[in-house]
Each structure stands twice: as structure tokens, then as C-alpha cells.
């Protein structure tokens, strides 16, 4: 995952994007969606999102679980990280995940 893709995904999430439960059809990576445009944060491809694939409440719950798992993994990674720059990046990503989880839980 490149820093540019990470930045773009974080910006999308901060601006109301949602993590998709369905993986990227090309690389099986994690995708975010905003205004019908999906972005894979692993390979960077932006496949068109069909209306029936927009997350519903059940999928939001599933997405929330995925986010919780990611949050746990990032927290463990942060615990072991020695580089202050990487620590800061992890903290920003964790903060974004917490925000998204809160939004999903409010739906």
C-alpha cells in the first residue's frame, strides 16, 4: 500500500466515505467508497460501484467488525513500532478507523 493511496483513502474516510465489506475484485484488498466511487487502498484501482453493492445496514455491521479487526491489528503494530514517523501515521489511521466505526455504529 503506497503512502499516496493511504492518504487518499484516509481523506475519503474523513470526508464521509465508507469501507466496503466486499474486497477489491482485482487484488482482494480493502476498498473505500464515496459518492459511488470505490477505491482499493491496496492496488489503487477504482472499479465502478453498482447500486446493489452500496452497503446496507447488515453490511455496515459486517464492515464495523472488519474495522474492529483492523483497529486491533494496527494497535498491535503501533505497540511494536519504534519509528516516530510511522507511529504518527499509525495513530492517524487508528483515529480515522475509530471515527468510521462510530459512524457505522450510529446507523
N, C-alpha and C. Protein backbone atom coordinates (compact mmCIF):
# COMPACT_ATOMS: atom_id res chain seq x y z
N UNK A 1 0.85 -1.16 0.00
CA UNK A 1 0.00 0.00 0.00
C UNK A 1 0.90 1.23 0.00
N UNK A 2 0.74 2.11 -0.99
CA UNK A 2 1.58 3.29 -1.07
C UNK A 2 1.06 4.38 -0.13
N UNK A 3 1.95 5.30 0.20
CA UNK A 3 1.56 6.40 1.09
C UNK A 3 0.49 7.27 0.43
N UNK A 4 0.59 7.45 -0.91
CA UNK A 4 -0.40 8.26 -1.62
C UNK A 4 -1.79 7.63 -1.53
N UNK A 5 -1.86 6.30 -1.72
CA UNK A 5 -3.15 5.61 -1.62
C UNK A 5 -3.68 5.69 -0.20
N UNK A 6 -2.80 5.53 0.77
CA UNK A 6 -3.22 5.62 2.17
C UNK A 6 -3.78 7.00 2.46
N UNK A 7 -3.06 8.04 2.02
CA UNK A 7 -3.53 9.41 2.22
C UNK A 7 -4.89 9.64 1.57
N UNK A 8 -5.02 9.19 0.33
CA UNK A 8 -6.27 9.38 -0.39
C UNK A 8 -7.42 8.66 0.33
N UNK A 9 -7.18 7.43 0.78
CA UNK A 9 -8.21 6.66 1.49
C UNK A 9 -8.58 7.33 2.80
N UNK A 10 -7.58 7.80 3.55
CA UNK A 10 -7.86 8.49 4.82
C UNK A 10 -8.66 9.76 4.56
N UNK A 11 -8.29 10.53 3.54
CA UNK A 11 -9.03 11.74 3.19
C UNK A 11 -10.48 11.41 2.85
N UNK A 12 -10.67 10.34 2.07
CA UNK A 12 -12.02 9.92 1.71
C UNK A 12 -12.81 9.56 2.97
N UNK A 13 -12.19 8.80 3.88
CA UNK A 13 -12.87 8.39 5.11
C UNK A 13 -13.22 9.60 5.97
N UNK A 14 -12.30 10.54 6.06
CA UNK A 14 -12.56 11.75 6.85
C UNK A 14 -13.67 12.60 6.25
N UNK A 15 -13.89 12.45 4.96
CA UNK A 15 -14.93 13.21 4.27
C UNK A 15 -16.21 12.41 4.07
N UNK A 16 -16.38 11.34 4.86
CA UNK A 16 -17.63 10.61 4.85
C UNK A 16 -17.66 9.33 4.05
N UNK A 17 -16.53 8.89 3.55
CA UNK A 17 -16.51 7.63 2.81
C UNK A 17 -16.76 6.46 3.76
N UNK A 18 -17.06 5.32 3.17
CA UNK A 18 -17.35 4.10 3.93
C UNK A 18 -16.45 2.99 3.45
N UNK A 19 -16.02 2.15 4.37
CA UNK A 19 -15.27 0.96 3.98
C UNK A 19 -16.26 -0.07 3.46
N UNK A 20 -15.91 -0.72 2.38
CA UNK A 20 -16.78 -1.74 1.80
C UNK A 20 -16.47 -3.11 2.37
N UNK A 21 -17.51 -3.90 2.58
CA UNK A 21 -17.33 -5.27 3.05
C UNK A 21 -16.76 -6.14 1.94
N UNK A 22 -17.11 -5.83 0.69
CA UNK A 22 -16.64 -6.62 -0.44
C UNK A 22 -15.20 -6.22 -0.78
N UNK A 23 -14.32 -7.20 -0.96
CA UNK A 23 -12.93 -6.88 -1.31
C UNK A 23 -12.82 -6.41 -2.76
N UNK A 24 -11.68 -5.85 -3.07
CA UNK A 24 -11.39 -5.43 -4.44
C UNK A 24 -11.47 -6.65 -5.37
N UNK A 25 -12.16 -6.51 -6.51
CA UNK A 25 -12.27 -7.64 -7.43
C UNK A 25 -10.94 -7.99 -8.12
N UNK A 26 -9.96 -7.08 -8.05
CA UNK A 26 -8.68 -7.31 -8.71
C UNK A 26 -7.64 -7.93 -7.79
N UNK A 27 -7.54 -7.41 -6.55
CA UNK A 27 -6.46 -7.88 -5.66
C UNK A 27 -6.97 -8.37 -4.31
N UNK A 28 -8.28 -8.29 -4.09
CA UNK A 28 -8.92 -8.70 -2.83
C UNK A 28 -8.57 -7.77 -1.67
N UNK A 29 -8.09 -6.55 -1.99
CA UNK A 29 -7.75 -5.57 -0.96
C UNK A 29 -8.97 -4.87 -0.40
N UNK A 30 -8.75 -4.04 0.60
CA UNK A 30 -9.81 -3.27 1.26
C UNK A 30 -10.16 -2.07 0.38
N UNK A 31 -11.48 -1.79 0.27
CA UNK A 31 -11.92 -0.65 -0.54
C UNK A 31 -12.72 0.33 0.30
N UNK A 32 -12.64 1.61 -0.10
CA UNK A 32 -13.49 2.64 0.47
C UNK A 32 -14.36 3.19 -0.66
N UNK A 33 -15.55 3.70 -0.29
CA UNK A 33 -16.46 4.24 -1.30
C UNK A 33 -17.01 5.57 -0.83
N UNK A 34 -17.11 6.50 -1.77
CA UNK A 34 -17.72 7.81 -1.52
C UNK A 34 -18.38 8.25 -2.81
N UNK A 35 -19.62 8.64 -2.72
CA UNK A 35 -20.39 9.13 -3.87
C UNK A 35 -20.38 8.13 -5.03
N UNK A 36 -20.43 6.84 -4.70
CA UNK A 36 -20.49 5.81 -5.73
C UNK A 36 -19.16 5.44 -6.35
N UNK A 37 -18.07 6.08 -5.91
CA UNK A 37 -16.74 5.79 -6.43
C UNK A 37 -15.95 4.98 -5.41
N UNK A 38 -15.58 3.76 -5.78
CA UNK A 38 -14.82 2.88 -4.88
C UNK A 38 -13.34 2.99 -5.21
N UNK A 39 -12.50 2.92 -4.17
CA UNK A 39 -11.05 2.95 -4.33
C UNK A 39 -10.45 1.83 -3.51
N UNK A 40 -9.63 1.00 -4.15
CA UNK A 40 -8.91 -0.04 -3.43
C UNK A 40 -7.67 0.60 -2.82
N UNK A 41 -7.49 0.43 -1.51
CA UNK A 41 -6.33 1.06 -0.87
C UNK A 41 -5.07 0.22 -1.00
N UNK A 42 -5.19 -0.96 -1.63
CA UNK A 42 -4.01 -1.79 -1.87
C UNK A 42 -3.46 -1.59 -3.28
N UNK A 43 -4.32 -1.75 -4.30
CA UNK A 43 -3.83 -1.67 -5.68
C UNK A 43 -4.15 -0.32 -6.35
N UNK A 44 -5.07 0.45 -5.77
CA UNK A 44 -5.38 1.77 -6.30
C UNK A 44 -6.41 1.80 -7.41
N UNK A 45 -6.91 0.63 -7.81
CA UNK A 45 -7.90 0.60 -8.89
C UNK A 45 -9.24 1.10 -8.37
N UNK A 46 -9.97 1.74 -9.26
CA UNK A 46 -11.26 2.31 -8.90
C UNK A 46 -12.37 1.69 -9.75
N UNK A 47 -12.73 0.44 -9.48
CA UNK A 47 -13.81 -0.18 -10.26
C UNK A 47 -15.12 0.55 -10.00
N UNK A 48 -15.97 0.58 -10.99
CA UNK A 48 -17.27 1.23 -10.84
C UNK A 48 -18.09 0.47 -9.81
N UNK A 49 -18.76 1.20 -8.96
CA UNK A 49 -19.59 0.60 -7.93
C UNK A 49 -21.03 0.56 -8.42
N UNK A 50 -21.62 -0.63 -8.41
CA UNK A 50 -23.00 -0.77 -8.85
C UNK A 50 -23.92 -0.48 -7.69
N UNK A 51 -25.12 0.01 -8.00
CA UNK A 51 -26.07 0.42 -6.97
C UNK A 51 -26.36 -0.69 -5.98
N UNK A 52 -26.46 -1.94 -6.43
CA UNK A 52 -26.79 -3.02 -5.50
C UNK A 52 -25.64 -3.36 -4.57
N UNK A 53 -24.45 -2.82 -4.81
CA UNK A 53 -23.32 -3.10 -3.95
C UNK A 53 -23.10 -2.04 -2.88
N UNK A 54 -23.94 -1.01 -2.86
CA UNK A 54 -23.82 0.00 -1.83
C UNK A 54 -24.21 -0.63 -0.50
N UNK A 55 -23.39 -0.46 0.54
CA UNK A 55 -23.64 -1.16 1.79
C UNK A 55 -25.01 -0.85 2.39
N UNK A 56 -25.69 -1.89 2.87
CA UNK A 56 -26.92 -1.70 3.62
C UNK A 56 -26.59 -1.84 5.10
N UNK A 57 -27.58 -1.80 5.96
CA UNK A 57 -27.34 -1.84 7.39
C UNK A 57 -26.61 -3.12 7.80
N UNK A 58 -27.02 -4.28 7.23
CA UNK A 58 -26.38 -5.54 7.57
C UNK A 58 -24.90 -5.51 7.18
N UNK A 59 -24.61 -4.98 5.99
CA UNK A 59 -23.23 -4.91 5.54
C UNK A 59 -22.43 -3.92 6.37
N UNK A 60 -23.09 -2.85 6.86
CA UNK A 60 -22.40 -1.89 7.73
C UNK A 60 -21.95 -2.56 9.01
N UNK A 61 -22.77 -3.46 9.54
CA UNK A 61 -22.40 -4.21 10.74
C UNK A 61 -21.18 -5.07 10.44
N UNK A 62 -21.19 -5.75 9.30
CA UNK A 62 -20.06 -6.56 8.89
C UNK A 62 -18.82 -5.69 8.71
N UNK A 63 -19.00 -4.53 8.11
CA UNK A 63 -17.90 -3.59 7.90
C UNK A 63 -17.36 -3.14 9.24
N UNK A 64 -18.24 -2.90 10.19
CA UNK A 64 -17.82 -2.49 11.52
C UNK A 64 -16.93 -3.55 12.16
N UNK A 65 -17.29 -4.82 11.99
CA UNK A 65 -16.48 -5.91 12.53
C UNK A 65 -15.11 -5.94 11.87
N UNK A 66 -15.09 -5.74 10.56
CA UNK A 66 -13.81 -5.71 9.83
C UNK A 66 -12.95 -4.56 10.35
N UNK A 67 -13.59 -3.42 10.55
CA UNK A 67 -12.87 -2.24 11.06
C UNK A 67 -12.31 -2.51 12.46
N UNK A 68 -13.09 -3.18 13.30
CA UNK A 68 -12.62 -3.51 14.65
C UNK A 68 -11.38 -4.40 14.58
N UNK A 69 -11.41 -5.38 13.66
CA UNK A 69 -10.25 -6.26 13.49
C UNK A 69 -9.04 -5.48 13.02
N UNK A 70 -9.25 -4.57 12.06
CA UNK A 70 -8.14 -3.74 11.57
C UNK A 70 -7.59 -2.88 12.70
N UNK A 71 -8.50 -2.34 13.51
CA UNK A 71 -8.09 -1.50 14.62
C UNK A 71 -7.21 -2.27 15.60
N UNK A 72 -7.58 -3.49 15.89
CA UNK A 72 -6.78 -4.33 16.78
C UNK A 72 -5.40 -4.60 16.19
N UNK A 73 -5.35 -4.91 14.90
CA UNK A 73 -4.07 -5.19 14.25
C UNK A 73 -3.17 -3.95 14.25
N UNK A 74 -3.77 -2.79 13.94
CA UNK A 74 -2.98 -1.55 13.92
C UNK A 74 -2.49 -1.20 15.31
N UNK A 75 -3.31 -1.45 16.33
CA UNK A 75 -2.90 -1.16 17.70
C UNK A 75 -1.70 -2.02 18.09
N UNK A 76 -1.72 -3.28 17.71
CA UNK A 76 -0.58 -4.17 17.99
C UNK A 76 0.66 -3.71 17.24
N UNK A 77 0.45 -3.28 15.99
CA UNK A 77 1.56 -2.79 15.18
C UNK A 77 2.15 -1.53 15.81
N UNK A 78 1.29 -0.63 16.30
CA UNK A 78 1.74 0.60 16.94
C UNK A 78 2.56 0.30 18.19
N UNK A 79 2.12 -0.69 18.94
CA UNK A 79 2.81 -1.07 20.17
C UNK A 79 4.26 -1.47 19.91
N UNK A 80 4.50 -2.10 18.76
CA UNK A 80 5.84 -2.60 18.43
C UNK A 80 6.68 -1.58 17.66
N UNK A 81 6.04 -0.58 17.07
CA UNK A 81 6.74 0.36 16.19
C UNK A 81 7.67 1.28 16.98
N UNK A 82 8.91 1.42 16.49
CA UNK A 82 9.91 2.27 17.13
C UNK A 82 10.05 3.63 16.43
N UNK A 83 9.79 3.68 15.14
CA UNK A 83 9.97 4.90 14.34
C UNK A 83 8.84 5.89 14.63
N UNK A 84 9.18 7.09 15.13
CA UNK A 84 8.14 8.08 15.47
C UNK A 84 7.27 8.49 14.28
N UNK A 85 7.84 8.55 13.09
CA UNK A 85 7.07 8.93 11.91
C UNK A 85 6.02 7.86 11.60
N UNK A 86 6.44 6.61 11.66
CA UNK A 86 5.50 5.51 11.41
C UNK A 86 4.46 5.43 12.52
N UNK A 87 4.88 5.74 13.75
CA UNK A 87 3.93 5.77 14.86
C UNK A 87 2.84 6.80 14.60
N UNK A 88 3.25 7.97 14.13
CA UNK A 88 2.28 9.04 13.85
C UNK A 88 1.31 8.63 12.75
N UNK A 89 1.82 7.98 11.72
CA UNK A 89 0.95 7.51 10.63
C UNK A 89 -0.06 6.49 11.15
N UNK A 90 0.42 5.58 11.98
CA UNK A 90 -0.48 4.57 12.56
C UNK A 90 -1.54 5.23 13.44
N UNK A 91 -1.14 6.22 14.22
CA UNK A 91 -2.09 6.91 15.09
C UNK A 91 -3.17 7.61 14.27
N UNK A 92 -2.77 8.25 13.18
CA UNK A 92 -3.75 8.92 12.31
C UNK A 92 -4.72 7.90 11.71
N UNK A 93 -4.20 6.77 11.27
CA UNK A 93 -5.05 5.73 10.69
C UNK A 93 -5.99 5.16 11.75
N UNK A 94 -5.47 4.93 12.94
CA UNK A 94 -6.31 4.42 14.04
C UNK A 94 -7.41 5.42 14.37
N UNK A 95 -7.07 6.69 14.40
CA UNK A 95 -8.06 7.73 14.67
C UNK A 95 -9.16 7.73 13.61
N UNK A 96 -8.77 7.56 12.36
CA UNK A 96 -9.75 7.50 11.26
C UNK A 96 -10.65 6.28 11.41
N UNK A 97 -10.07 5.15 11.75
CA UNK A 97 -10.85 3.93 11.94
C UNK A 97 -11.87 4.10 13.05
N UNK A 98 -11.45 4.70 14.15
CA UNK A 98 -12.36 4.91 15.28
C UNK A 98 -13.52 5.79 14.85
N UNK A 99 -13.23 6.82 14.09
CA UNK A 99 -14.28 7.72 13.59
C UNK A 99 -15.27 6.98 12.70
N UNK A 100 -14.76 6.16 11.80
CA UNK A 100 -15.61 5.41 10.89
C UNK A 100 -16.46 4.38 11.66
N UNK A 101 -15.84 3.71 12.62
CA UNK A 101 -16.57 2.74 13.44
C UNK A 101 -17.72 3.42 14.16
N UNK A 102 -17.45 4.61 14.72
CA UNK A 102 -18.51 5.36 15.40
C UNK A 102 -19.66 5.68 14.45
N UNK A 103 -19.31 6.12 13.23
CA UNK A 103 -20.34 6.44 12.25
C UNK A 103 -21.15 5.21 11.88
N UNK A 104 -20.48 4.08 11.69
CA UNK A 104 -21.18 2.84 11.34
C UNK A 104 -22.11 2.38 12.46
N UNK A 105 -21.67 2.54 13.69
CA UNK A 105 -22.48 2.11 14.82
C UNK A 105 -23.69 2.99 15.06
N UNK A 106 -23.65 4.23 14.54
CA UNK A 106 -24.77 5.15 14.71
C UNK A 106 -25.88 4.91 13.68
N UNK A 107 -25.56 4.16 12.61
CA UNK A 107 -26.55 3.91 11.55
C UNK A 107 -27.64 3.00 12.03
